[in-house]
C-alpha atoms as a PDB file:
ATOM      1  CA  UNK A   1     -19.315   3.383  10.058  1.00  0.00           C
ATOM      2  CA  UNK A   2     -22.322   5.664  10.478  1.00  0.00           C
ATOM      3  CA  UNK A   3     -20.923   6.797  13.835  1.00  0.00           C
ATOM      4  CA  UNK A   4     -17.809   7.983  12.017  1.00  0.00           C
ATOM      5  CA  UNK A   5     -19.971  10.032   9.671  1.00  0.00           C
ATOM      6  CA  UNK A   6     -21.917  11.473  12.581  1.00  0.00           C
ATOM      7  CA  UNK A   7     -18.635  12.525  14.210  1.00  0.00           C
ATOM      8  CA  UNK A   8     -17.737  14.287  10.951  1.00  0.00           C
ATOM      9  CA  UNK A   9     -14.335  12.615  10.613  1.00  0.00           C
ATOM     10  CA  UNK A  10     -12.476  13.556   7.448  1.00  0.00           C
ATOM     11  CA  UNK A  11     -10.380  10.414   6.930  1.00  0.00           C
ATOM     12  CA  UNK A  12     -11.118   6.705   7.326  1.00  0.00           C
ATOM     13  CA  UNK A  13      -8.670   3.785   7.039  1.00  0.00           C
ATOM     14  CA  UNK A  14     -10.360   0.399   6.686  1.00  0.00           C
ATOM     15  CA  UNK A  15      -8.308  -2.775   6.391  1.00  0.00           C
ATOM     16  CA  UNK A  16      -9.524  -6.312   5.766  1.00  0.00           C
ATOM     17  CA  UNK A  17      -9.106  -8.573   8.775  1.00  0.00           C
ATOM     18  CA  UNK A  18      -6.006 -10.752   8.495  1.00  0.00           C
ATOM     19  CA  UNK A  19      -5.413 -13.686  10.832  1.00  0.00           C
ATOM     20  CA  UNK A  20      -1.715 -13.474  11.674  1.00  0.00           C
ATOM     21  CA  UNK A  21       0.168 -16.581  12.865  1.00  0.00           C
ATOM     22  CA  UNK A  22       0.948 -16.901  16.582  1.00  0.00           C
ATOM     23  CA  UNK A  23      -1.758 -14.437  17.654  1.00  0.00           C
ATOM     24  CA  UNK A  24      -4.692 -14.959  19.990  1.00  0.00           C
ATOM     25  CA  UNK A  25      -7.057 -14.626  17.038  1.00  0.00           C
ATOM     26  CA  UNK A  26      -5.203 -17.351  15.134  1.00  0.00           C
ATOM     27  CA  UNK A  27      -5.619 -19.614  18.167  1.00  0.00           C
ATOM     28  CA  UNK A  28      -9.345 -18.848  18.404  1.00  0.00           C
ATOM     29  CA  UNK A  29      -9.827 -19.624  14.706  1.00  0.00           C
ATOM     30  CA  UNK A  30      -7.835 -22.853  14.983  1.00  0.00           C
ATOM     31  CA  UNK A  31      -9.925 -24.077  17.942  1.00  0.00           C
ATOM     32  CA  UNK A  32     -13.210 -22.984  16.394  1.00  0.00           C
ATOM     33  CA  UNK A  33     -13.978 -20.313  18.983  1.00  0.00           C
ATOM     34  CA  UNK A  34     -14.079 -17.729  16.198  1.00  0.00           C
ATOM     35  CA  UNK A  35     -15.039 -18.456  12.575  1.00  0.00           C
ATOM     36  CA  UNK A  36     -12.370 -17.925   9.948  1.00  0.00           C
ATOM     37  CA  UNK A  37     -12.880 -14.797   7.811  1.00  0.00           C
ATOM     38  CA  UNK A  38     -14.707 -15.546   4.563  1.00  0.00           C
ATOM     39  CA  UNK A  39     -13.408 -13.878   1.397  1.00  0.00           C
ATOM     40  CA  UNK A  40     -16.902 -13.540  -0.106  1.00  0.00           C
ATOM     41  CA  UNK A  41     -18.214 -11.790   3.003  1.00  0.00           C
ATOM     42  CA  UNK A  42     -15.169  -9.517   3.162  1.00  0.00           C
ATOM     43  CA  UNK A  43     -15.672  -8.552  -0.500  1.00  0.00           C
ATOM     44  CA  UNK A  44     -19.345  -7.805   0.191  1.00  0.00           C
ATOM     45  CA  UNK A  45     -18.471  -5.642   3.194  1.00  0.00           C
ATOM     46  CA  UNK A  46     -15.836  -3.833   1.115  1.00  0.00           C
ATOM     47  CA  UNK A  47     -18.435  -3.019  -1.522  1.00  0.00           C
ATOM     48  CA  UNK A  48     -20.840  -1.667   1.103  1.00  0.00           C
ATOM     49  CA  UNK A  49     -18.030   0.406   2.597  1.00  0.00           C
ATOM     50  CA  UNK A  50     -17.133   1.943  -0.777  1.00  0.00           C
ATOM     51  CA  UNK A  51     -20.761   2.840  -1.508  1.00  0.00           C
ATOM     52  CA  UNK A  52     -21.258   4.444   1.918  1.00  0.00           C
ATOM     53  CA  UNK A  53     -18.040   6.408   1.562  1.00  0.00           C
ATOM     54  CA  UNK A  54     -18.997   7.640  -1.884  1.00  0.00           C
ATOM     55  CA  UNK A  55     -22.425   8.646  -0.633  1.00  0.00           C
ATOM     56  CA  UNK A  56     -20.787  10.685   2.140  1.00  0.00           C
ATOM     57  CA  UNK A  57     -18.428  12.426  -0.295  1.00  0.00           C
ATOM     58  CA  UNK A  58     -15.252  10.545   0.596  1.00  0.00           C
ATOM     59  CA  UNK A  59     -12.700   9.860  -2.132  1.00  0.00           C
ATOM     60  CA  UNK A  60     -11.336   6.337  -2.352  1.00  0.00           C
ATOM     61  CA  UNK A  61      -7.729   7.429  -2.859  1.00  0.00           C
ATOM     62  CA  UNK A  62      -5.985   4.208  -1.771  1.00  0.00           C
ATOM     63  CA  UNK A  63      -7.401   0.691  -1.506  1.00  0.00           C
ATOM     64  CA  UNK A  64      -7.797   0.867   2.272  1.00  0.00           C
ATOM     65  CA  UNK A  65      -8.099   4.627   2.702  1.00  0.00           C
ATOM     66  CA  UNK A  66     -10.869   7.143   2.152  1.00  0.00           C
ATOM     67  CA  UNK A  67     -10.854  10.892   2.731  1.00  0.00           C
ATOM     68  CA  UNK A  68     -12.702  14.058   1.907  1.00  0.00           C
ATOM     69  CA  UNK A  69     -10.859  16.406  -0.482  1.00  0.00           C
ATOM     70  CA  UNK A  70      -7.894  18.046   1.213  1.00  0.00           C
ATOM     71  CA  UNK A  71      -7.611  15.417   3.937  1.00  0.00           C
ATOM     72  CA  UNK A  72      -5.484  12.701   2.331  1.00  0.00           C
ATOM     73  CA  UNK A  73      -2.827  11.311   4.666  1.00  0.00           C
ATOM     74  CA  UNK A  74       0.342  13.234   3.863  1.00  0.00           C
ATOM     75  CA  UNK A  75       2.478  10.691   5.726  1.00  0.00           C
ATOM     76  CA  UNK A  76       1.237   7.529   4.010  1.00  0.00           C
ATOM     77  CA  UNK A  77       0.809   9.226   0.633  1.00  0.00           C
ATOM     78  CA  UNK A  78       4.572   9.722   0.617  1.00  0.00           C
ATOM     79  CA  UNK A  79       5.028   5.953   0.971  1.00  0.00           C
ATOM     80  CA  UNK A  80       2.602   5.189  -1.830  1.00  0.00           C
ATOM     81  CA  UNK A  81       4.201   7.756  -4.133  1.00  0.00           C
ATOM     82  CA  UNK A  82       7.758   6.634  -3.379  1.00  0.00           C
ATOM     83  CA  UNK A  83       8.809   9.943  -1.808  1.00  0.00           C
ATOM     84  CA  UNK A  84      12.119   9.847   0.071  1.00  0.00           C
ATOM     85  CA  UNK A  85      11.957  10.216   3.849  1.00  0.00           C
ATOM     86  CA  UNK A  86      14.281  10.357   6.850  1.00  0.00           C
ATOM     87  CA  UNK A  87      13.431   8.601  10.106  1.00  0.00           C
ATOM     88  CA  UNK A  88      14.900   9.905  13.381  1.00  0.00           C
ATOM     89  CA  UNK A  89      14.847   8.016  16.669  1.00  0.00           C
ATOM     90  CA  UNK A  90      14.641   4.382  17.821  1.00  0.00           C
ATOM     91  CA  UNK A  91      12.927   2.063  15.313  1.00  0.00           C
ATOM     92  CA  UNK A  92      12.620   4.872  12.743  1.00  0.00           C
ATOM     93  CA  UNK A  93      12.841   3.936   9.075  1.00  0.00           C
ATOM     94  CA  UNK A  94      14.413   5.907   6.221  1.00  0.00           C
ATOM     95  CA  UNK A  95      14.144   5.514   2.448  1.00  0.00           C
ATOM     96  CA  UNK A  96      16.060   7.238  -0.361  1.00  0.00           C
ATOM     97  CA  UNK A  97      14.774   5.367  -3.409  1.00  0.00           C
ATOM     98  CA  UNK A  98      17.591   2.826  -3.609  1.00  0.00           C
ATOM     99  CA  UNK A  99      18.041   1.784   0.018  1.00  0.00           C
ATOM    100  CA  UNK A 100      15.997   1.398   3.167  1.00  0.00           C
ATOM    101  CA  UNK A 101      17.395   1.558   6.685  1.00  0.00           C
ATOM    102  CA  UNK A 102      15.936   1.228  10.159  1.00  0.00           C
ATOM    103  CA  UNK A 103      17.345   2.202  13.534  1.00  0.00           C
ATOM    104  CA  UNK A 104      17.591  -0.293  16.382  1.00  0.00           C
ATOM    105  CA  UNK A 105      14.520  -0.351  18.608  1.00  0.00           C
ATOM    106  CA  UNK A 106      16.312  -0.397  21.984  1.00  0.00           C
ATOM    107  CA  UNK A 107      16.111   3.109  23.468  1.00  0.00           C
ATOM    108  CA  UNK A 108      19.197   2.987  25.760  1.00  0.00           C
ATOM    109  CA  UNK A 109      21.287   1.390  22.993  1.00  0.00           C
ATOM    110  CA  UNK A 110      20.121   4.011  20.508  1.00  0.00           C
ATOM    111  CA  UNK A 111      21.002   6.876  22.872  1.00  0.00           C
ATOM    112  CA  UNK A 112      24.425   5.406  23.631  1.00  0.00           C
ATOM    113  CA  UNK A 113      25.135   4.970  19.922  1.00  0.00           C
ATOM    114  CA  UNK A 114      24.236   8.600  19.228  1.00  0.00           C
ATOM    115  CA  UNK A 115      26.394   9.822  22.131  1.00  0.00           C
ATOM    116  CA  UNK A 116      29.390   7.945  20.749  1.00  0.00           C
ATOM    117  CA  UNK A 117      28.674   9.122  17.185  1.00  0.00           C
ATOM    118  CA  UNK A 118      28.160   5.526  16.060  1.00  0.00           C
ATOM    119  CA  UNK A 119      24.558   5.255  14.867  1.00  0.00           C
ATOM    120  CA  UNK A 120      23.297   1.676  14.986  1.00  0.00           C
ATOM    121  CA  UNK A 121      20.999   0.718  12.118  1.00  0.00           C
ATOM    122  CA  UNK A 122      20.339  -2.010   9.574  1.00  0.00           C
ATOM    123  CA  UNK A 123      20.534  -1.282   5.854  1.00  0.00           C
ATOM    124  CA  UNK A 124      18.861  -2.928   2.864  1.00  0.00           C
ATOM    125  CA  UNK A 125      20.025  -2.043  -0.648  1.00  0.00           C
ATOM    126  CA  UNK A 126      17.225  -2.482  -3.168  1.00  0.00           C
ATOM    127  CA  UNK A 127      18.048  -3.983  -6.552  1.00  0.00           C
ATOM    128  CA  UNK A 128      16.541  -2.319  -9.652  1.00  0.00           C
ATOM    129  CA  UNK A 129      13.982  -5.129  -9.820  1.00  0.00           C
ATOM    130  CA  UNK A 130      13.027  -4.581  -6.177  1.00  0.00           C
ATOM    131  CA  UNK A 131      12.706  -0.838  -6.761  1.00  0.00           C
ATOM    132  CA  UNK A 132      10.460  -1.482  -9.744  1.00  0.00           C
ATOM    133  CA  UNK A 133       8.328  -4.043  -7.908  1.00  0.00           C
ATOM    134  CA  UNK A 134       7.885  -1.700  -4.966  1.00  0.00           C
ATOM    135  CA  UNK A 135       6.788   1.121  -7.252  1.00  0.00           C
ATOM    136  CA  UNK A 136       4.240  -1.109  -8.986  1.00  0.00           C
ATOM    137  CA  UNK A 137       2.903  -2.484  -5.704  1.00  0.00           C
ATOM    138  CA  UNK A 138       2.438   0.873  -3.993  1.00  0.00           C
ATOM    139  CA  UNK A 139       1.346   3.038  -6.925  1.00  0.00           C
ATOM    140  CA  UNK A 140      -1.226   0.541  -8.160  1.00  0.00           C
ATOM    141  CA  UNK A 141      -3.023   0.729  -4.811  1.00  0.00           C
ATOM    142  CA  UNK A 142      -3.815   4.419  -5.306  1.00  0.00           C
ATOM    143  CA  UNK A 143      -6.326   6.348  -7.379  1.00  0.00           C
ATOM    144  CA  UNK A 144      -3.347   7.933  -9.205  1.00  0.00           C
ATOM    145  CA  UNK A 145      -2.283   4.554 -10.565  1.00  0.00           C
ATOM    146  CA  UNK A 146       0.912   3.128 -11.981  1.00  0.00           C
ATOM    147  CA  UNK A 147       2.628   5.456 -14.463  1.00  0.00           C
ATOM    148  CA  UNK A 148       4.182   3.713 -17.474  1.00  0.00           C
ATOM    149  CA  UNK A 149       5.950   6.960 -18.363  1.00  0.00           C
ATOM    150  CA  UNK A 150       7.610   7.065 -14.972  1.00  0.00           C
ATOM    151  CA  UNK A 151       8.624   3.411 -15.324  1.00  0.00           C
ATOM    152  CA  UNK A 152      10.170   4.158 -18.721  1.00  0.00           C
ATOM    153  CA  UNK A 153      12.252   7.018 -17.280  1.00  0.00           C
ATOM    154  CA  UNK A 154      13.309   5.189 -14.103  1.00  0.00           C
ATOM    155  CA  UNK A 155      13.679   1.628 -15.351  1.00  0.00           C
ATOM    156  CA  UNK A 156      13.886   1.772 -19.144  1.00  0.00           C
ATOM    157  CA  UNK A 157      11.631   1.357 -22.158  1.00  0.00           C
ATOM    158  CA  UNK A 158      11.881  -2.439 -22.099  1.00  0.00           C
ATOM    159  CA  UNK A 159      10.561  -2.629 -18.540  1.00  0.00           C
ATOM    160  CA  UNK A 160       7.715  -0.227 -19.347  1.00  0.00           C
ATOM    161  CA  UNK A 161       6.842  -2.297 -22.413  1.00  0.00           C
ATOM    162  CA  UNK A 162       6.834  -5.507 -20.389  1.00  0.00           C
ATOM    163  CA  UNK A 163       4.581  -3.924 -17.772  1.00  0.00           C
ATOM    164  CA  UNK A 164       2.145  -2.761 -20.451  1.00  0.00           C
ATOM    165  CA  UNK A 165       2.144  -6.230 -22.008  1.00  0.00           C
ATOM    166  CA  UNK A 166       1.498  -7.967 -18.682  1.00  0.00           C
ATOM    167  CA  UNK A 167      -1.285  -5.479 -17.903  1.00  0.00           C
ATOM    168  CA  UNK A 168      -3.164  -6.235 -21.120  1.00  0.00           C
ATOM    169  CA  UNK A 169      -4.950  -9.272 -19.677  1.00  0.00           C
ATOM    170  CA  UNK A 170      -6.318  -7.205 -16.799  1.00  0.00           C
ATOM    171  CA  UNK A 171      -7.274  -4.348 -19.120  1.00  0.00           C
ATOM    172  CA  UNK A 172      -9.270  -6.773 -21.248  1.00  0.00           C
ATOM    173  CA  UNK A 173     -10.914  -8.374 -18.206  1.00  0.00           C
ATOM    174  CA  UNK A 174     -11.973  -5.009 -16.781  1.00  0.00           C
ATOM    175  CA  UNK A 175      -9.789  -5.102 -13.688  1.00  0.00           C
ATOM    176  CA  UNK A 176      -7.557  -2.300 -14.934  1.00  0.00           C
ATOM    177  CA  UNK A 177      -8.248   0.799 -17.004  1.00  0.00           C
ATOM    178  CA  UNK A 178      -5.649   2.843 -18.849  1.00  0.00           C
ATOM    179  CA  UNK A 179      -5.786   6.645 -18.898  1.00  0.00           C
ATOM    180  CA  UNK A 180      -2.936   7.930 -21.020  1.00  0.00           C
ATOM    181  CA  UNK A 181       0.087   6.195 -19.517  1.00  0.00           C
ATOM    182  CA  UNK A 182      -1.603   5.475 -16.189  1.00  0.00           C
ATOM    183  CA  UNK A 183      -2.766   1.979 -15.213  1.00  0.00           C
ATOM    184  CA  UNK A 184      -5.541   2.262 -12.618  1.00  0.00           C
ATOM    185  CA  UNK A 185      -7.418  -0.453 -10.769  1.00  0.00           C
ATOM    186  CA  UNK A 186     -11.160  -0.693 -11.305  1.00  0.00           C
ATOM    187  CA  UNK A 187     -13.441  -1.527  -8.382  1.00  0.00           C
ATOM    188  CA  UNK A 188     -13.318  -5.167  -9.457  1.00  0.00           C
ATOM    189  CA  UNK A 189      -9.553  -5.000  -9.723  1.00  0.00           C
ATOM    190  CA  UNK A 190      -9.206  -3.720  -6.173  1.00  0.00           C
ATOM    191  CA  UNK A 191     -10.437  -7.088  -4.922  1.00  0.00           C
ATOM    192  CA  UNK A 192      -7.422  -8.829  -6.489  1.00  0.00           C
ATOM    193  CA  UNK A 193      -4.881  -5.985  -6.313  1.00  0.00           C
ATOM    194  CA  UNK A 194      -2.087  -8.132  -4.868  1.00  0.00           C
ATOM    195  CA  UNK A 195      -2.488 -10.703  -7.639  1.00  0.00           C
ATOM    196  CA  UNK A 196      -2.407  -8.028 -10.347  1.00  0.00           C
ATOM    197  CA  UNK A 197       0.670  -6.370  -8.846  1.00  0.00           C
ATOM    198  CA  UNK A 198       2.520  -9.681  -8.562  1.00  0.00           C
ATOM    199  CA  UNK A 199       1.779 -10.446 -12.207  1.00  0.00           C
ATOM    200  CA  UNK A 200       3.309  -7.097 -13.203  1.00  0.00           C
ATOM    201  CA  UNK A 201       6.421  -7.652 -11.071  1.00  0.00           C
ATOM    202  CA  UNK A 202       9.852  -8.098 -12.644  1.00  0.00           C
END
């Protein structure tokens, strides 16, 4: 971490180690060659990371991302804010708010499909509930938070009211704060962000 500061990098992404099934690491953990990650230790390391970043004038703008002002990731920020995007080329993904599509990964097949004017991709249509859940999940991870006003406009007053009601427990427990119509994770809330988001889901 200190080496990154010495190199004067402007952006740092730091993700908690996840042991994925059918990987070498999963095999090492299963056989005892490598100890399994401990949640308490990971939380402690996360706290140290946040303090060091703050001390070095980095903004914690997304749970796993830190940057100095003016250096937020434009690419990933679009994902977190639900901005529409068009993906071109093999494996590229596109999103227009109500559907997501991804091109086939095979390069020769992709080229042939384009030459014959028959693009080959898979398409997923998102239901209103899925659109809402995705908004909650991504927006809550950021320092900008989840906007109840935006939910009301996009998904209706009833959905916004339900979200506010479900959030009350976490507001009272100090894991969320409310600023106007924005629900924002506290530092304690960041440790259980996935749980909070799932509880606010449709």
